[in-house]
Structures are given as C-alpha cells and as structure tokens.
C-alpha cells in the first residue's frame, strides 16, 4: 500500500523516475498529469532548481514523492521548506535508500556515484545529472538515468527528448517516456 507520508511501500508499485527539471515548468506541467495517472510513487533525482518547482511537484502529484538534490539545487533551505508543506513529499538530501514495492531502491543525482554501487545491494539504482537517458542491467540490478525533463544537453549544446522513466517493481522492468510534440510516447533511448 502507498503511504501518504512517503515512507516504506511494500505493495507492487510503478515508480516514476524524474531528473533534471531545471525550472522547465511547461514540460513538468505536461508530464505530471501522465505521471499522476500511470505511477504510484515519484522519485526525483535532483536539479529541480527553484523552490516553485517543488511546489508544482507537491501540488501536481498527489502520491508519495521522494526527492534527492543535485548540483543545481541552490536554495536548499527554501526547497526543503516548500517540501515540508506537503505531507506526501520527503526530501532525502543527497541520497535515498529504501524499499518501494518490495524492491530496494538507491537514488541520487550523479552517474559516477551510481557506477560504484554494488549491484547486489539494490534492485534499482537511479541517477541523473548528465541529461542522457539510459538503462543497463548489472547482475539483477537496473541502473537507470531517466534523462532530462528540461530537454537539453548542455555539454553537447543540443536538444534532447524531454523524458522520464517508469520502473515497474512487480515486473522488475524499465520503460522510458518522452514528450513528442503534443503527445507522450514510449521511447527507447540510444546507448
């Protein structure tokens, strides 16, 4: 069962993975109704950026939300204070480790930290930061970067799909989604 306080969840869940919003409120406004309908819990992997993004998340997504911070989340005091106004939003600072849907989940912002996680210690290791959507199985663990909701890769100076991922805890499977014009479509990122 999902817990409104955002604590441990043991029922089968669809876990939304969202990273690198970077204040892109229009993309967030399009993604949240879909996430609200198709997921049971949301794990946010950093770089929300402004406290108003936390407010949009808390008011636009009624299910439990677990938040970790990234390198562009500057006003941590106001981000955390904003999150405290929602009973279903829990801020875990830099690292979340918990049980969701009977699966062990480790979530944080950086790929290089995810790279050193022992795959036997989790079922899902989620991260963001580099704006490159991808997933890989290492032993039994999924390592997933949902990409960027911002829709831009600053290193390549190029547009990329505004994307997120959903981890199905019961099926132990990952699927990616992206904004495509006026549609939301399933997507298989390259690499």
N, C-alpha and C. Protein backbone atom coordinates (compact mmCIF):
# COMPACT_ATOMS: atom_id res chain seq x y z
N UNK A 1 0.83 -1.18 0.00
CA UNK A 1 0.00 0.00 0.00
C UNK A 1 0.88 1.25 0.00
N UNK A 2 0.48 2.27 -0.74
CA UNK A 2 1.23 3.51 -0.68
C UNK A 2 0.92 4.20 0.64
N UNK A 3 1.89 4.90 1.14
CA UNK A 3 1.79 5.55 2.42
C UNK A 3 1.82 7.05 2.18
N UNK A 4 0.79 7.81 2.63
CA UNK A 4 0.75 9.22 2.34
C UNK A 4 1.94 9.99 2.89
N UNK A 5 2.58 9.49 3.92
CA UNK A 5 3.75 10.17 4.45
C UNK A 5 5.00 9.88 3.64
N UNK A 6 4.90 9.00 2.65
CA UNK A 6 6.04 8.74 1.79
C UNK A 6 7.06 7.78 2.36
N UNK A 7 6.67 6.97 3.32
CA UNK A 7 7.61 6.03 3.92
C UNK A 7 7.65 4.73 3.12
N UNK A 8 8.14 3.68 3.72
CA UNK A 8 8.34 2.41 3.03
C UNK A 8 7.04 1.91 2.41
N UNK A 9 7.15 1.34 1.22
CA UNK A 9 6.00 0.83 0.48
C UNK A 9 6.31 -0.60 0.06
N UNK A 10 5.44 -1.54 0.37
CA UNK A 10 5.71 -2.93 0.02
C UNK A 10 4.78 -3.48 -1.05
N UNK A 11 3.69 -2.81 -1.37
CA UNK A 11 2.80 -3.29 -2.44
C UNK A 11 3.48 -3.06 -3.79
N UNK A 12 3.12 -3.84 -4.81
CA UNK A 12 3.70 -3.61 -6.14
C UNK A 12 3.44 -2.17 -6.60
N UNK A 13 4.47 -1.57 -7.12
CA UNK A 13 4.38 -0.16 -7.48
C UNK A 13 4.97 0.11 -8.85
N UNK A 14 4.46 1.16 -9.46
CA UNK A 14 5.06 1.74 -10.64
C UNK A 14 5.76 3.01 -10.16
N UNK A 15 7.07 3.03 -10.28
CA UNK A 15 7.88 4.11 -9.73
C UNK A 15 8.30 5.04 -10.86
N UNK A 16 7.82 6.29 -10.82
CA UNK A 16 8.24 7.29 -11.78
C UNK A 16 9.61 7.83 -11.41
N UNK A 17 10.49 7.94 -12.39
CA UNK A 17 11.83 8.48 -12.19
C UNK A 17 11.96 9.75 -13.01
N UNK A 18 12.27 10.85 -12.33
CA UNK A 18 12.30 12.16 -12.96
C UNK A 18 13.58 12.87 -12.54
N UNK A 19 14.29 13.44 -13.51
CA UNK A 19 15.54 14.13 -13.19
C UNK A 19 15.68 15.41 -14.01
N UNK A 20 16.46 16.32 -13.50
CA UNK A 20 16.93 17.48 -14.24
C UNK A 20 15.79 18.28 -14.88
N UNK A 21 14.88 18.75 -14.03
CA UNK A 21 13.78 19.59 -14.48
C UNK A 21 14.30 20.97 -14.89
N UNK A 22 15.24 21.50 -14.13
CA UNK A 22 15.87 22.80 -14.41
C UNK A 22 14.83 23.89 -14.70
N UNK A 23 13.80 23.97 -13.86
CA UNK A 23 12.77 25.00 -13.95
C UNK A 23 11.94 24.94 -15.23
N UNK A 24 11.98 23.85 -15.96
CA UNK A 24 11.21 23.75 -17.20
C UNK A 24 9.75 23.43 -16.85
N UNK A 25 9.01 24.46 -16.45
CA UNK A 25 7.67 24.26 -15.90
C UNK A 25 6.68 23.79 -16.96
N UNK A 26 6.86 24.15 -18.20
CA UNK A 26 5.92 23.69 -19.22
C UNK A 26 6.02 22.18 -19.43
N UNK A 27 7.24 21.68 -19.50
CA UNK A 27 7.41 20.22 -19.63
C UNK A 27 6.89 19.51 -18.39
N UNK A 28 7.18 20.06 -17.22
CA UNK A 28 6.69 19.47 -15.98
C UNK A 28 5.16 19.47 -15.96
N UNK A 29 4.55 20.56 -16.40
CA UNK A 29 3.10 20.64 -16.44
C UNK A 29 2.47 19.62 -17.38
N UNK A 30 3.18 19.25 -18.42
CA UNK A 30 2.68 18.23 -19.34
C UNK A 30 2.92 16.82 -18.79
N UNK A 31 4.04 16.62 -18.12
CA UNK A 31 4.40 15.29 -17.62
C UNK A 31 3.61 14.90 -16.36
N UNK A 32 3.34 15.84 -15.48
CA UNK A 32 2.71 15.50 -14.20
C UNK A 32 1.35 14.81 -14.33
N UNK A 33 0.44 15.26 -15.19
CA UNK A 33 -0.83 14.53 -15.30
C UNK A 33 -0.63 13.07 -15.74
N UNK A 34 0.30 12.85 -16.65
CA UNK A 34 0.59 11.49 -17.09
C UNK A 34 1.17 10.68 -15.93
N UNK A 35 2.14 11.24 -15.22
CA UNK A 35 2.76 10.55 -14.08
C UNK A 35 1.73 10.27 -12.99
N UNK A 36 0.85 11.22 -12.75
CA UNK A 36 -0.20 11.04 -11.73
C UNK A 36 -1.07 9.83 -12.06
N UNK A 37 -1.36 9.63 -13.34
CA UNK A 37 -2.23 8.54 -13.75
C UNK A 37 -1.50 7.20 -13.88
N UNK A 38 -0.23 7.21 -14.23
CA UNK A 38 0.48 5.97 -14.59
C UNK A 38 1.54 5.51 -13.58
N UNK A 39 1.71 6.25 -12.48
CA UNK A 39 2.69 5.83 -11.48
C UNK A 39 2.07 5.94 -10.09
N UNK A 40 2.69 5.24 -9.14
CA UNK A 40 2.20 5.22 -7.76
C UNK A 40 3.09 5.98 -6.79
N UNK A 41 4.31 6.23 -7.20
CA UNK A 41 5.28 6.97 -6.39
C UNK A 41 6.25 7.63 -7.37
N UNK A 42 6.80 8.77 -6.96
CA UNK A 42 7.73 9.50 -7.82
C UNK A 42 9.04 9.68 -7.08
N UNK A 43 10.15 9.36 -7.77
CA UNK A 43 11.48 9.59 -7.23
C UNK A 43 12.13 10.65 -8.11
N UNK A 44 12.48 11.78 -7.49
CA UNK A 44 13.05 12.91 -8.21
C UNK A 44 14.56 12.94 -7.91
N UNK A 45 15.35 12.96 -8.98
CA UNK A 45 16.79 12.72 -8.89
C UNK A 45 17.63 13.98 -9.03
N UNK A 46 17.12 15.08 -8.52
CA UNK A 46 17.90 16.29 -8.45
C UNK A 46 17.74 17.25 -9.61
N UNK A 47 18.24 18.45 -9.37
CA UNK A 47 18.20 19.58 -10.29
C UNK A 47 16.78 20.02 -10.63
N UNK A 48 15.97 20.16 -9.57
CA UNK A 48 14.69 20.83 -9.72
C UNK A 48 14.98 22.30 -10.02
N UNK A 49 15.90 22.87 -9.28
CA UNK A 49 16.47 24.21 -9.32
C UNK A 49 15.72 25.15 -8.37
N UNK A 50 14.50 25.58 -8.69
CA UNK A 50 13.83 26.60 -7.88
C UNK A 50 12.77 26.00 -6.96
N UNK A 51 12.54 26.68 -5.82
CA UNK A 51 11.51 26.21 -4.90
C UNK A 51 10.13 26.10 -5.54
N UNK A 52 9.82 26.93 -6.55
CA UNK A 52 8.49 26.83 -7.16
C UNK A 52 8.31 25.51 -7.90
N UNK A 53 9.41 24.86 -8.33
CA UNK A 53 9.29 23.54 -8.96
C UNK A 53 8.87 22.51 -7.91
N UNK A 54 9.41 22.62 -6.70
CA UNK A 54 8.99 21.73 -5.61
C UNK A 54 7.50 21.93 -5.33
N UNK A 55 7.03 23.17 -5.36
CA UNK A 55 5.62 23.44 -5.13
C UNK A 55 4.76 22.83 -6.23
N UNK A 56 5.20 22.95 -7.48
CA UNK A 56 4.46 22.34 -8.59
C UNK A 56 4.40 20.83 -8.45
N UNK A 57 5.51 20.21 -8.04
CA UNK A 57 5.53 18.76 -7.83
C UNK A 57 4.55 18.37 -6.72
N UNK A 58 4.66 19.03 -5.58
CA UNK A 58 3.82 18.68 -4.44
C UNK A 58 2.34 18.90 -4.70
N UNK A 59 1.99 19.95 -5.41
CA UNK A 59 0.57 20.21 -5.68
C UNK A 59 0.06 19.46 -6.90
N UNK A 60 0.95 19.05 -7.81
CA UNK A 60 0.53 18.41 -9.05
C UNK A 60 0.60 16.90 -9.05
N UNK A 61 1.22 16.32 -8.01
CA UNK A 61 1.37 14.87 -7.95
C UNK A 61 0.95 14.43 -6.54
N UNK A 62 -0.21 13.78 -6.39
CA UNK A 62 -0.75 13.50 -5.05
C UNK A 62 -0.18 12.27 -4.36
N UNK A 63 0.57 11.45 -5.08
CA UNK A 63 1.13 10.23 -4.50
C UNK A 63 2.46 10.55 -3.82
N UNK A 64 3.06 9.60 -3.10
CA UNK A 64 4.33 9.87 -2.42
C UNK A 64 5.43 10.29 -3.40
N UNK A 65 6.21 11.27 -2.96
CA UNK A 65 7.34 11.78 -3.72
C UNK A 65 8.58 11.71 -2.84
N UNK A 66 9.65 11.13 -3.37
CA UNK A 66 10.95 11.09 -2.71
C UNK A 66 11.90 11.96 -3.54
N UNK A 67 12.56 12.92 -2.90
CA UNK A 67 13.40 13.88 -3.59
C UNK A 67 14.84 13.77 -3.10
N UNK A 68 15.77 13.71 -4.06
CA UNK A 68 17.19 13.91 -3.76
C UNK A 68 17.63 15.17 -4.49
N UNK A 69 18.64 15.83 -3.96
CA UNK A 69 19.10 17.08 -4.55
C UNK A 69 20.27 16.85 -5.50
N UNK A 70 20.42 17.77 -6.45
CA UNK A 70 21.53 17.75 -7.40
C UNK A 70 22.39 18.99 -7.26
N UNK A 71 23.33 19.14 -8.17
CA UNK A 71 24.30 20.22 -8.09
C UNK A 71 23.72 21.59 -8.43
N UNK A 72 22.56 21.67 -9.05
CA UNK A 72 21.96 22.96 -9.39
C UNK A 72 20.81 23.36 -8.47
N UNK A 73 20.61 22.61 -7.41
CA UNK A 73 19.58 22.95 -6.43
C UNK A 73 20.21 23.87 -5.39
N UNK A 74 20.19 25.18 -5.68
CA UNK A 74 20.94 26.13 -4.88
C UNK A 74 20.29 26.54 -3.58
N UNK A 75 19.01 26.82 -3.58
CA UNK A 75 18.34 27.31 -2.39
C UNK A 75 17.73 26.14 -1.62
N UNK A 76 18.61 25.33 -1.02
CA UNK A 76 18.15 24.12 -0.33
C UNK A 76 17.22 24.44 0.83
N UNK A 77 17.44 25.57 1.48
CA UNK A 77 16.57 25.94 2.60
C UNK A 77 15.12 26.10 2.11
N UNK A 78 14.91 26.87 1.05
CA UNK A 78 13.54 27.10 0.58
C UNK A 78 12.97 25.88 -0.15
N UNK A 79 13.81 25.14 -0.85
CA UNK A 79 13.33 23.89 -1.45
C UNK A 79 12.80 22.95 -0.37
N UNK A 80 13.57 22.79 0.70
CA UNK A 80 13.18 21.90 1.79
C UNK A 80 11.96 22.44 2.54
N UNK A 81 11.93 23.74 2.77
CA UNK A 81 10.77 24.34 3.44
C UNK A 81 9.51 24.18 2.60
N UNK A 82 9.63 24.32 1.30
CA UNK A 82 8.48 24.14 0.41
C UNK A 82 8.00 22.69 0.47
N UNK A 83 8.93 21.75 0.42
CA UNK A 83 8.57 20.33 0.50
C UNK A 83 7.86 20.02 1.82
N UNK A 84 8.27 20.66 2.89
CA UNK A 84 7.66 20.41 4.21
C UNK A 84 6.19 20.78 4.25
N UNK A 85 5.73 21.58 3.30
CA UNK A 85 4.33 21.95 3.23
C UNK A 85 3.44 20.85 2.64
N UNK A 86 4.04 19.75 2.22
CA UNK A 86 3.30 18.64 1.63
C UNK A 86 3.59 17.38 2.41
N UNK A 87 2.55 16.74 2.95
CA UNK A 87 2.74 15.51 3.73
C UNK A 87 3.29 14.36 2.90
N UNK A 88 3.09 14.37 1.61
CA UNK A 88 3.50 13.25 0.76
C UNK A 88 4.86 13.44 0.10
N UNK A 89 5.56 14.54 0.41
CA UNK A 89 6.89 14.80 -0.16
C UNK A 89 7.94 14.62 0.93
N UNK A 90 8.93 13.77 0.65
CA UNK A 90 10.02 13.54 1.59
C UNK A 90 11.33 13.88 0.89
N UNK A 91 12.11 14.75 1.51
CA UNK A 91 13.42 15.13 0.98
C UNK A 91 14.47 14.27 1.68
N UNK A 92 15.31 13.65 0.87
CA UNK A 92 16.36 12.78 1.39
C UNK A 92 17.75 13.38 1.20
N UNK A 93 17.84 14.65 0.93
CA UNK A 93 19.10 15.35 0.67
C UNK A 93 19.80 14.72 -0.53
N UNK A 94 21.01 14.19 -0.35
CA UNK A 94 21.77 13.68 -1.49
C UNK A 94 21.51 12.22 -1.83
N UNK A 95 20.93 11.44 -0.93
CA UNK A 95 20.81 10.00 -1.16
C UNK A 95 19.52 9.46 -0.59
N UNK A 96 18.82 8.67 -1.38
CA UNK A 96 17.67 7.91 -0.90
C UNK A 96 18.00 6.43 -1.03
N UNK A 97 17.78 5.71 0.04
CA UNK A 97 17.86 4.25 0.01
C UNK A 97 16.66 3.76 0.80
N UNK A 98 15.82 2.96 0.13
CA UNK A 98 14.64 2.47 0.80
C UNK A 98 14.00 1.34 0.04
N UNK A 99 12.86 0.91 0.54
CA UNK A 99 12.10 -0.16 -0.07
C UNK A 99 10.84 0.43 -0.70
N UNK A 100 10.68 0.19 -1.99
CA UNK A 100 9.49 0.61 -2.71
C UNK A 100 8.98 -0.59 -3.49
N UNK A 101 7.74 -0.94 -3.26
CA UNK A 101 7.17 -2.08 -3.96
C UNK A 101 7.91 -3.38 -3.71
N UNK A 102 8.48 -3.51 -2.52
CA UNK A 102 9.24 -4.72 -2.19
C UNK A 102 10.62 -4.78 -2.83
N UNK A 103 11.06 -3.69 -3.44
CA UNK A 103 12.37 -3.62 -4.10
C UNK A 103 13.24 -2.60 -3.37
N UNK A 104 14.54 -2.90 -3.31
CA UNK A 104 15.48 -1.96 -2.73
C UNK A 104 15.88 -0.95 -3.79
N UNK A 105 15.69 0.33 -3.44
CA UNK A 105 15.94 1.42 -4.37
C UNK A 105 17.02 2.32 -3.79
N UNK A 106 18.02 2.64 -4.61
CA UNK A 106 19.02 3.64 -4.28
C UNK A 106 18.88 4.74 -5.32
N UNK A 107 18.74 5.97 -4.87
CA UNK A 107 18.55 7.10 -5.78
C UNK A 107 19.42 8.27 -5.34
N UNK A 108 20.07 8.88 -6.30
CA UNK A 108 20.85 10.09 -6.07
C UNK A 108 21.12 10.73 -7.44
N UNK A 109 21.88 11.79 -7.50
CA UNK A 109 21.97 12.59 -8.72
C UNK A 109 23.07 12.17 -9.69
N UNK A 110 24.17 11.61 -9.25
CA UNK A 110 25.38 11.53 -10.07
C UNK A 110 25.67 10.15 -10.66
N UNK A 111 25.99 10.09 -11.97
CA UNK A 111 26.35 8.81 -12.61
C UNK A 111 27.60 8.17 -12.01
N UNK A 112 28.61 8.97 -11.66
CA UNK A 112 29.84 8.38 -11.14
C UNK A 112 29.63 7.72 -9.78
N UNK A 113 28.69 8.23 -9.00
CA UNK A 113 28.35 7.56 -7.73
C UNK A 113 27.57 6.29 -8.02
N UNK A 114 26.64 6.35 -8.97
CA UNK A 114 25.88 5.14 -9.33
C UNK A 114 26.82 4.05 -9.83
N UNK A 115 27.86 4.44 -10.55
CA UNK A 115 28.80 3.45 -11.10
C UNK A 115 29.50 2.61 -10.04
N UNK A 116 29.63 3.12 -8.83
CA UNK A 116 30.34 2.36 -7.79
C UNK A 116 29.41 1.63 -6.84
N UNK A 117 28.09 1.71 -7.09
CA UNK A 117 27.13 0.97 -6.25
C UNK A 117 27.25 -0.52 -6.57
N UNK A 118 27.35 -1.32 -5.55
CA UNK A 118 27.38 -2.78 -5.69
C UNK A 118 26.01 -3.24 -6.18
N UNK A 119 25.94 -3.86 -7.38
CA UNK A 119 24.64 -4.26 -7.92
C UNK A 119 23.89 -5.26 -7.05
N UNK A 120 24.58 -5.95 -6.16
CA UNK A 120 23.88 -6.89 -5.29
C UNK A 120 23.19 -6.17 -4.12
N UNK A 121 23.41 -4.86 -3.98
CA UNK A 121 22.83 -4.13 -2.86
C UNK A 121 21.49 -3.47 -3.18
N UNK A 122 21.03 -3.56 -4.43
CA UNK A 122 19.78 -2.89 -4.80
C UNK A 122 19.16 -3.58 -6.01
N UNK A 123 17.87 -3.35 -6.18
CA UNK A 123 17.16 -3.78 -7.38
C UNK A 123 17.14 -2.67 -8.42
N UNK A 124 17.15 -1.42 -7.93
CA UNK A 124 17.11 -0.25 -8.80
C UNK A 124 18.09 0.79 -8.27
N UNK A 125 18.96 1.26 -9.15
CA UNK A 125 19.87 2.37 -8.84
C UNK A 125 19.53 3.47 -9.85
N UNK A 126 19.01 4.58 -9.35
CA UNK A 126 18.54 5.66 -10.22
C UNK A 126 19.41 6.91 -10.02
N UNK A 127 19.67 7.61 -11.12
CA UNK A 127 20.53 8.79 -11.10
C UNK A 127 20.18 9.69 -12.27
N UNK A 128 20.74 10.88 -12.30
CA UNK A 128 20.50 11.83 -13.38
C UNK A 128 21.79 12.52 -13.76
N UNK A 129 21.78 13.85 -13.75
CA UNK A 129 22.91 14.76 -13.90
C UNK A 129 23.39 15.01 -15.32
N UNK A 130 23.66 13.98 -16.11
CA UNK A 130 24.28 14.23 -17.41
C UNK A 130 23.29 14.36 -18.56
N UNK A 131 22.00 14.31 -18.24
CA UNK A 131 20.92 14.54 -19.21
C UNK A 131 20.89 13.49 -20.32
N UNK A 132 21.43 12.30 -20.07
CA UNK A 132 21.45 11.22 -21.07
C UNK A 132 20.64 10.04 -20.55
N UNK A 133 19.50 9.81 -21.17
CA UNK A 133 18.63 8.70 -20.77
C UNK A 133 19.28 7.38 -21.15
N UNK A 134 19.27 6.45 -20.19
CA UNK A 134 19.81 5.12 -20.46
C UNK A 134 19.49 4.19 -19.31
N UNK A 135 19.58 2.91 -19.61
CA UNK A 135 19.42 1.90 -18.57
C UNK A 135 20.34 0.73 -18.88
N UNK A 136 20.74 0.04 -17.84
CA UNK A 136 21.59 -1.14 -18.00
C UNK A 136 21.32 -2.08 -16.84
N UNK A 137 21.38 -3.38 -17.13
CA UNK A 137 21.29 -4.39 -16.07
C UNK A 137 22.70 -4.76 -15.66
N UNK A 138 22.94 -4.76 -14.37
CA UNK A 138 24.19 -5.26 -13.80
C UNK A 138 23.78 -6.29 -12.77
N UNK A 139 24.09 -7.53 -13.07
CA UNK A 139 23.56 -8.65 -12.29
C UNK A 139 22.03 -8.51 -12.29
N UNK A 140 21.42 -8.44 -11.13
CA UNK A 140 19.96 -8.32 -11.08
C UNK A 140 19.47 -6.88 -10.95
N UNK A 141 20.39 -5.93 -10.83
CA UNK A 141 20.00 -4.54 -10.60
C UNK A 141 19.85 -3.76 -11.90
N UNK A 142 18.84 -2.90 -11.94
CA UNK A 142 18.69 -1.93 -13.02
C UNK A 142 19.39 -0.64 -12.61
N UNK A 143 20.22 -0.11 -13.48
CA UNK A 143 20.83 1.20 -13.32
C UNK A 143 20.17 2.10 -14.35
N UNK A 144 19.47 3.16 -13.88
CA UNK A 144 18.61 3.93 -14.78
C UNK A 144 18.85 5.43 -14.61
N UNK A 145 19.09 6.09 -15.74
CA UNK A 145 19.06 7.54 -15.84
C UNK A 145 17.86 7.86 -16.71
N UNK A 146 16.83 8.54 -16.16
CA UNK A 146 15.62 8.81 -16.94
C UNK A 146 15.78 9.89 -17.99
N UNK A 147 16.95 10.51 -18.05
CA UNK A 147 17.14 11.63 -18.95
C UNK A 147 16.74 12.93 -18.27
N UNK A 148 16.51 13.95 -19.06
CA UNK A 148 16.21 15.26 -18.53
C UNK A 148 14.83 15.73 -18.95
N UNK A 149 14.05 16.21 -18.01
CA UNK A 149 12.77 16.80 -18.37
C UNK A 149 12.99 18.14 -19.06
N UNK A 150 14.14 18.74 -18.83
CA UNK A 150 14.48 20.02 -19.45
C UNK A 150 14.53 19.92 -20.98
N UNK A 151 14.96 18.76 -21.50
CA UNK A 151 15.01 18.59 -22.95
C UNK A 151 16.22 19.22 -23.61
N UNK A 152 17.32 19.33 -22.87
CA UNK A 152 18.51 19.95 -23.43
C UNK A 152 19.74 19.33 -22.77
N UNK A 153 20.76 19.07 -23.57
CA UNK A 153 22.04 18.56 -23.09
C UNK A 153 23.04 19.70 -23.18
N UNK A 154 23.43 20.30 -22.04
CA UNK A 154 24.32 21.45 -22.09
C UNK A 154 25.75 21.11 -22.54
N UNK A 155 26.19 19.91 -22.32
CA UNK A 155 27.54 19.52 -22.75
C UNK A 155 27.60 19.44 -24.27
N UNK A 156 26.60 18.81 -24.88
CA UNK A 156 26.55 18.70 -26.34
C UNK A 156 25.94 19.95 -26.97
N UNK A 157 25.40 20.86 -26.16
CA UNK A 157 24.70 22.05 -26.66
C UNK A 157 23.66 21.66 -27.70
N UNK A 158 22.83 20.68 -27.31
CA UNK A 158 21.84 20.15 -28.25
C UNK A 158 20.54 19.80 -27.53
N UNK A 159 19.45 19.94 -28.26
CA UNK A 159 18.17 19.49 -27.74
C UNK A 159 18.17 17.96 -27.66
N UNK A 160 17.57 17.45 -26.61
CA UNK A 160 17.36 16.00 -26.43
C UNK A 160 15.91 15.83 -26.02
N UNK A 161 15.38 14.63 -26.11
CA UNK A 161 13.98 14.45 -25.69
C UNK A 161 13.78 14.80 -24.21
N UNK A 162 12.68 15.48 -23.93
CA UNK A 162 12.26 15.70 -22.55
C UNK A 162 11.67 14.36 -22.09
N UNK A 163 12.32 13.72 -21.13
CA UNK A 163 11.98 12.33 -20.84
C UNK A 163 11.94 12.02 -19.36
N UNK A 164 11.38 10.85 -19.07
CA UNK A 164 11.36 10.25 -17.73
C UNK A 164 11.28 8.75 -17.92
N UNK A 165 11.39 8.03 -16.82
CA UNK A 165 11.30 6.56 -16.88
C UNK A 165 10.33 6.08 -15.82
N UNK A 166 9.83 4.86 -16.04
CA UNK A 166 8.97 4.20 -15.05
C UNK A 166 9.56 2.82 -14.80
N UNK A 167 9.80 2.55 -13.54
CA UNK A 167 10.27 1.23 -13.11
C UNK A 167 9.06 0.50 -12.52
N UNK A 168 8.72 -0.64 -13.09
CA UNK A 168 7.64 -1.49 -12.60
C UNK A 168 8.25 -2.47 -11.60
N UNK A 169 7.97 -2.25 -10.32
CA UNK A 169 8.59 -3.08 -9.27
C UNK A 169 8.16 -4.53 -9.36
N UNK A 170 6.91 -4.80 -9.73
CA UNK A 170 6.44 -6.18 -9.81
C UNK A 170 7.12 -6.92 -10.96
N UNK A 171 7.24 -6.28 -12.10
CA UNK A 171 7.83 -6.91 -13.28
C UNK A 171 9.35 -6.77 -13.33
N UNK A 172 9.91 -5.92 -12.47
CA UNK A 172 11.35 -5.60 -12.47
C UNK A 172 11.77 -5.20 -13.89
N UNK A 173 11.04 -4.19 -14.41
CA UNK A 173 11.24 -3.74 -15.78
C UNK A 173 11.21 -2.21 -15.83
N UNK A 174 11.90 -1.66 -16.83
CA UNK A 174 12.00 -0.22 -17.00
C UNK A 174 11.48 0.16 -18.39
N UNK A 175 10.76 1.26 -18.44
CA UNK A 175 10.29 1.80 -19.72
C UNK A 175 10.49 3.32 -19.69
N UNK A 176 10.92 3.86 -20.82
CA UNK A 176 11.14 5.30 -20.95
C UNK A 176 9.98 5.94 -21.70
N UNK A 177 9.72 7.20 -21.35
CA UNK A 177 8.67 8.01 -21.98
C UNK A 177 9.26 9.37 -22.32
N UNK A 178 8.70 10.00 -23.36
CA UNK A 178 9.16 11.33 -23.73
C UNK A 178 8.00 12.17 -24.25
N UNK A 179 8.21 13.47 -24.18
CA UNK A 179 7.29 14.41 -24.79
C UNK A 179 7.65 14.48 -26.27
N UNK A 180 6.65 14.33 -27.14
CA UNK A 180 6.87 14.38 -28.59
C UNK A 180 5.76 15.24 -29.18
N UNK A 181 6.07 16.51 -29.41
CA UNK A 181 5.03 17.42 -29.87
C UNK A 181 3.95 17.53 -28.81
N UNK A 182 2.71 17.27 -29.20
CA UNK A 182 1.61 17.31 -28.25
C UNK A 182 1.34 15.96 -27.60
N UNK A 183 2.16 14.97 -27.90
CA UNK A 183 1.94 13.61 -27.42
C UNK A 183 2.98 13.21 -26.37
N UNK A 184 2.64 12.18 -25.63
CA UNK A 184 3.59 11.50 -24.75
C UNK A 184 3.69 10.10 -25.31
N UNK A 185 4.93 9.67 -25.58
CA UNK A 185 5.10 8.36 -26.22
C UNK A 185 6.19 7.56 -25.55
N UNK A 186 6.04 6.22 -25.65
CA UNK A 186 7.07 5.33 -25.16
C UNK A 186 8.30 5.53 -26.04
N UNK A 187 9.46 5.33 -25.47
CA UNK A 187 10.70 5.69 -26.16
C UNK A 187 11.81 4.75 -25.74
N UNK A 188 12.66 4.41 -26.66
CA UNK A 188 13.84 3.59 -26.37
C UNK A 188 15.08 4.43 -26.65
N UNK A 189 15.70 4.98 -25.60
CA UNK A 189 16.88 5.81 -25.84
C UNK A 189 18.04 5.02 -26.41
N UNK A 190 18.86 5.68 -27.22
CA UNK A 190 20.05 5.03 -27.77
C UNK A 190 21.12 4.97 -26.71
N UNK A 191 21.93 3.92 -26.76
CA UNK A 191 23.05 3.79 -25.83
C UNK A 191 22.59 3.45 -24.49
